[in-house]
Protein backbone atom coordinates (compact mmCIF):
# COMPACT_ATOMS: atom_id res chain seq x y z
CA UNK A 1 16.80 68.59 31.89
CA UNK A 2 14.46 65.60 31.76
CA UNK A 3 16.19 62.28 31.18
CA UNK A 4 15.92 60.90 27.67
CA UNK A 5 13.65 57.96 27.15
CA UNK A 6 15.40 54.92 25.75
CA UNK A 7 14.23 53.76 22.33
CA UNK A 8 12.48 50.41 22.23
CA UNK A 9 14.62 47.45 21.31
CA UNK A 10 12.89 46.05 18.28
CA UNK A 11 14.91 42.90 18.43
CA UNK A 12 13.70 42.14 21.96
CA UNK A 13 10.08 42.61 20.93
CA UNK A 14 10.60 40.46 17.87
CA UNK A 15 12.21 37.71 19.91
CA UNK A 16 9.32 37.66 22.37
CA UNK A 17 6.83 37.54 19.54
CA UNK A 18 8.56 34.62 17.81
CA UNK A 19 9.00 32.43 20.89
CA UNK A 20 5.56 30.72 20.54
CA UNK A 21 6.30 30.17 16.85
CA UNK A 22 9.52 28.40 17.71
CA UNK A 23 7.72 26.18 20.19
CA UNK A 24 5.13 25.44 17.56
CA UNK A 25 7.89 24.65 15.06
CA UNK A 26 9.37 22.18 17.55
CA UNK A 27 5.96 20.58 17.99
CA UNK A 28 5.62 20.35 14.23
CA UNK A 29 9.05 18.76 14.00
CA UNK A 30 8.07 16.19 16.63
CA UNK A 31 4.92 15.43 14.65
CA UNK A 32 7.05 14.94 11.56
CA UNK A 33 9.19 12.41 13.42
CA UNK A 34 6.10 10.48 14.48
CA UNK A 35 4.26 10.50 11.18
CA UNK A 36 7.01 10.82 8.59
CA UNK A 37 5.45 14.06 7.39
CA UNK A 38 5.15 17.62 8.63
CA UNK A 39 1.45 17.61 7.73
CA UNK A 40 -0.96 17.53 10.70
CA UNK A 41 -2.20 14.10 11.64
CA UNK A 42 -5.85 15.02 11.22
CA UNK A 43 -5.27 15.76 7.53
CA UNK A 44 -4.03 12.24 6.84
CA UNK A 45 -6.72 10.13 5.17
CA UNK A 46 -4.46 7.27 4.10
CA UNK A 47 -3.59 5.16 7.16
CA UNK A 48 -2.65 2.12 5.09
CA UNK A 49 -0.39 4.08 2.74
CA UNK A 50 1.25 5.75 5.75
CA UNK A 51 1.75 2.37 7.38
CA UNK A 52 3.38 0.96 4.25
CA UNK A 53 5.62 4.01 4.04
CA UNK A 54 6.65 3.67 7.67
CA UNK A 55 7.56 0.00 7.19
CA UNK A 56 9.50 0.68 3.97
CA UNK A 57 11.51 3.41 5.71
CA UNK A 58 12.14 1.21 8.77
CA UNK A 59 13.34 -1.73 6.67
CA UNK A 60 15.47 0.52 4.46
CA UNK A 61 17.24 2.06 7.43
CA UNK A 62 17.72 -1.33 9.08
CA UNK A 63 19.99 -2.36 6.21
CA UNK A 64 21.68 1.06 5.87
CA UNK A 65 20.30 1.97 2.45
CA UNK A 66 19.67 5.52 1.30
CA UNK A 67 16.49 6.48 -0.53
CA UNK A 68 18.52 6.67 -3.75
CA UNK A 69 20.05 3.22 -3.13
CA UNK A 70 16.72 1.50 -2.52
CA UNK A 71 15.07 3.33 -5.40
CA UNK A 72 17.79 2.17 -7.78
CA UNK A 73 17.55 -1.42 -6.51
CA UNK A 74 13.76 -1.39 -6.95
CA UNK A 75 13.91 0.33 -10.34
CA UNK A 76 11.98 3.43 -9.26
CA UNK A 77 13.01 7.05 -8.75
CA UNK A 78 14.14 8.41 -5.40
CA UNK A 79 11.25 10.88 -5.58
CA UNK A 80 8.72 8.08 -6.01
CA UNK A 81 10.21 6.15 -3.10
CA UNK A 82 10.14 9.28 -0.93
CA UNK A 83 6.41 9.68 -1.68
CA UNK A 84 5.81 6.05 -0.73
CA UNK A 85 7.68 6.46 2.55
CA UNK A 86 5.65 9.59 3.35
CA UNK A 87 2.36 7.83 2.57
CA UNK A 88 1.60 10.39 -0.13
CA UNK A 89 0.62 7.90 -2.85
CA UNK A 90 -0.98 4.49 -3.34
CA UNK A 91 1.80 2.45 -4.96
CA UNK A 92 0.93 -0.14 -7.58
CA UNK A 93 1.24 -3.83 -6.79
CA UNK A 94 4.19 -4.06 -9.17
CA UNK A 95 5.93 -1.22 -7.33
CA UNK A 96 5.29 -2.82 -3.93
CA UNK A 97 6.68 -6.10 -5.23
CA UNK A 98 9.78 -4.38 -6.61
CA UNK A 99 10.42 -2.56 -3.32
CA UNK A 100 9.84 -5.75 -1.33
CA UNK A 101 12.29 -7.67 -3.54
CA UNK A 102 14.89 -4.94 -3.13
CA UNK A 103 14.42 -5.15 0.65
CA UNK A 104 14.42 -8.97 0.46
CA UNK A 105 11.10 -9.30 2.28
CA UNK A 106 7.63 -10.55 1.24
CA UNK A 107 5.11 -7.93 0.12
CA UNK A 108 2.90 -8.64 3.14
CA UNK A 109 5.69 -7.58 5.50
CA UNK A 110 5.12 -4.01 4.28
CA UNK A 111 1.60 -4.18 5.74
CA UNK A 112 2.49 -5.43 9.22
CA UNK A 113 2.22 -2.05 10.93
CA UNK A 114 -1.24 -1.26 9.56
CA UNK A 115 -3.79 -0.45 12.26
CA UNK A 116 -3.17 -2.70 15.27
CA UNK A 117 -0.68 -5.52 15.68
CA UNK A 118 -3.48 -8.06 16.15
CA UNK A 119 -4.81 -10.06 13.20
CA UNK A 120 -7.89 -7.87 12.81
CA UNK A 121 -8.35 -5.60 9.81
CA UNK A 122 -11.59 -3.67 9.30
CA UNK A 123 -12.14 -2.14 5.85
CA UNK A 124 -15.23 -0.12 5.02
CA UNK A 125 -17.09 -0.47 1.73
CA UNK A 126 -15.20 1.19 -1.12
CA UNK A 127 -11.98 1.40 0.87
CA UNK A 128 -8.90 -0.82 1.03
CA UNK A 129 -5.56 -0.15 -0.59
CA UNK A 130 -6.11 0.55 -4.28
CA UNK A 131 -3.51 -1.23 -6.36
CA UNK A 132 -3.34 1.00 -9.44
CA UNK A 133 -2.43 -0.12 -12.93
CA UNK A 134 -0.92 2.00 -15.67
CA UNK A 135 -1.67 1.98 -19.37
CA UNK A 136 -4.45 3.04 -21.78
CA UNK A 137 -5.97 -0.46 -22.11
CA UNK A 138 -6.09 -1.33 -18.43
CA UNK A 139 -9.69 -1.94 -17.41
CA UNK A 140 -9.29 -3.45 -13.97
CA UNK A 141 -8.29 -2.59 -10.43
CA UNK A 142 -7.36 -4.50 -7.30
CA UNK A 143 -8.04 -3.53 -3.71
CA UNK A 144 -6.18 -5.20 -0.85
CA UNK A 145 -8.74 -5.82 1.87
CA UNK A 146 -6.42 -6.91 4.67
CA UNK A 147 -3.50 -9.02 5.76
CA UNK A 148 -2.31 -11.28 8.54
CA UNK A 149 0.67 -10.87 10.84
CA UNK A 150 1.09 -14.58 11.52
CA UNK A 151 4.69 -15.67 11.15
CA UNK A 152 4.03 -19.01 9.45
CA UNK A 153 1.08 -18.35 7.16
CA UNK A 154 0.09 -15.36 5.06
CA UNK A 155 -3.49 -14.62 4.05
CA UNK A 156 -4.23 -11.89 1.49
CA UNK A 157 -7.82 -11.00 0.46
CA UNK A 158 -8.35 -8.89 -2.67
CA UNK A 159 -11.37 -7.32 -4.35
CA UNK A 160 -10.85 -7.74 -8.11
CA UNK A 161 -12.81 -5.54 -10.52
CA UNK A 162 -12.82 -5.86 -14.33
CA UNK A 163 -14.67 -3.62 -16.77
CA UNK A 164 -13.09 -3.96 -20.22
CA UNK A 165 -13.85 -7.25 -22.04
CA UNK A 166 -11.22 -6.41 -24.69
CA UNK A 167 -8.41 -6.29 -22.16
CA UNK A 168 -5.59 -8.83 -22.35
CA UNK A 169 -5.58 -10.29 -18.86
CA UNK A 170 -2.41 -11.14 -16.97
CA UNK A 171 -1.57 -14.71 -15.99
CA UNK A 172 -0.84 -15.27 -12.31
CA UNK A 173 1.35 -17.87 -10.70
CA UNK A 174 2.41 -17.94 -7.05
CA UNK A 175 3.00 -20.37 -4.22
CA UNK A 176 0.14 -21.47 -1.98
CA UNK A 177 -3.58 -21.79 -2.58
CA UNK A 178 -6.19 -19.35 -3.86
CA UNK A 179 -9.95 -19.07 -3.44
CA UNK A 180 -12.18 -16.86 -5.57
CA UNK A 181 -15.86 -16.00 -5.12
CA UNK A 182 -17.77 -14.15 -7.85
CA UNK A 183 -19.84 -11.19 -6.64
CA UNK A 184 -21.04 -9.71 -9.93
CA UNK A 185 -21.03 -10.47 -13.65
CA UNK A 186 -19.97 -13.55 -15.59
CA UNK A 187 -16.51 -14.67 -16.65
CA UNK A 188 -14.46 -17.62 -17.84
CA UNK A 189 -11.60 -18.39 -15.48
CA UNK A 190 -8.56 -20.41 -16.48
CA UNK A 191 -6.60 -22.73 -14.22
CA UNK A 192 -3.87 -24.48 -16.15
CA UNK A 193 -5.58 -26.16 -19.13
CA UNK A 194 -9.04 -26.07 -17.53
CA UNK A 195 -11.67 -23.39 -18.14
CA UNK A 196 -14.47 -22.59 -15.69
CA UNK A 197 -17.58 -20.60 -16.63
CA UNK A 198 -18.42 -18.63 -13.47
CA UNK A 199 -21.51 -16.63 -12.46
CA UNK A 200 -22.29 -14.54 -9.39
CA UNK A 201 -22.26 -16.85 -6.38
CA UNK A 202 -19.82 -19.36 -7.92
CA UNK A 203 -16.50 -20.10 -6.25
CA UNK A 204 -13.24 -21.83 -7.10
CA UNK A 205 -10.43 -23.16 -4.89
CA UNK A 206 -7.15 -24.11 -6.56
CA UNK A 207 -3.39 -24.50 -6.40
CA UNK A 208 -1.99 -21.03 -7.08
CA UNK A 209 1.32 -22.48 -8.34
CA UNK A 210 -0.50 -23.45 -11.57
CA UNK A 211 -0.86 -20.54 -14.06
CA UNK A 212 -4.32 -19.00 -13.66
CA UNK A 213 -6.41 -15.89 -14.24
CA UNK A 214 -9.46 -14.49 -16.05
CA UNK A 215 -9.77 -15.75 -19.63
CA UNK A 216 -12.87 -13.89 -20.81
CA UNK A 217 -15.46 -11.46 -19.47
CA UNK A 218 -18.84 -12.78 -20.63
CA UNK A 219 -20.93 -10.19 -18.81
CA UNK A 220 -18.97 -7.21 -17.46
CA UNK A 221 -18.51 -5.56 -15.09
CA UNK A 222 -17.08 -8.46 -13.14
CA UNK A 223 -16.16 -8.35 -9.46
CA UNK A 224 -14.88 -11.19 -7.34
CA UNK A 225 -13.11 -11.79 -4.05
CA UNK A 226 -9.73 -13.53 -4.31
CA UNK A 227 -8.09 -14.90 -1.17
CA UNK A 228 -4.47 -16.05 -1.41
CA UNK A 229 -2.91 -18.20 1.31
CA UNK A 230 0.73 -19.28 1.40
CA UNK A 231 3.50 -20.21 3.82
CA UNK A 232 5.87 -17.46 4.82
CA UNK A 233 9.61 -17.85 4.44
CA UNK A 234 10.73 -18.77 8.00
CA UNK A 235 13.98 -16.88 7.52
CA UNK A 236 12.04 -13.64 6.98
């Protein structure tokens, strides 16, 4: 009688077939540790958002806070904070400020890991971190064009764009000095009790501790560069 042939062990075949998948899964896991997301690196088109998320996560863990703890302290949901840490969204300036306050650091510290450590930031036309605003009557946007990593002084350039002349504009007040240069349109700019009628090519340098901001759009759309400079808190 001929010897019986042994049936194939399906499990063994299955295990051999899944070994490359497991190695790939490990590689994916390693990528997730490096980027904060399981998505492939080449699909990421938001280096600045990812950098902000990395720094928020690093600072949060350094003071032993959970995502829920930091979200509650900043007044945002844990889901929103998780998206920020994963670089999945462009957070508003108000949200960045709230998170920075909860972490007890300046907003610019969230940008320190962007690109290289050196004080060089290259931003192509139309790019830069979009600082979104919410609400049906909001007719402006801000784009952060860079930052410095110097320990003593902070320098923050913004591209400010305004379209709706009926908008009620916010009043700003911060430490340091500010310089604005009008690129397009015409506006009236307030600094304290003084009003300045500004056209394309005009500039204004002032003490940012005095309440200031756009008063009226005479010829929209209006775009101008605003550069804020202030001393960093040495304890931070």
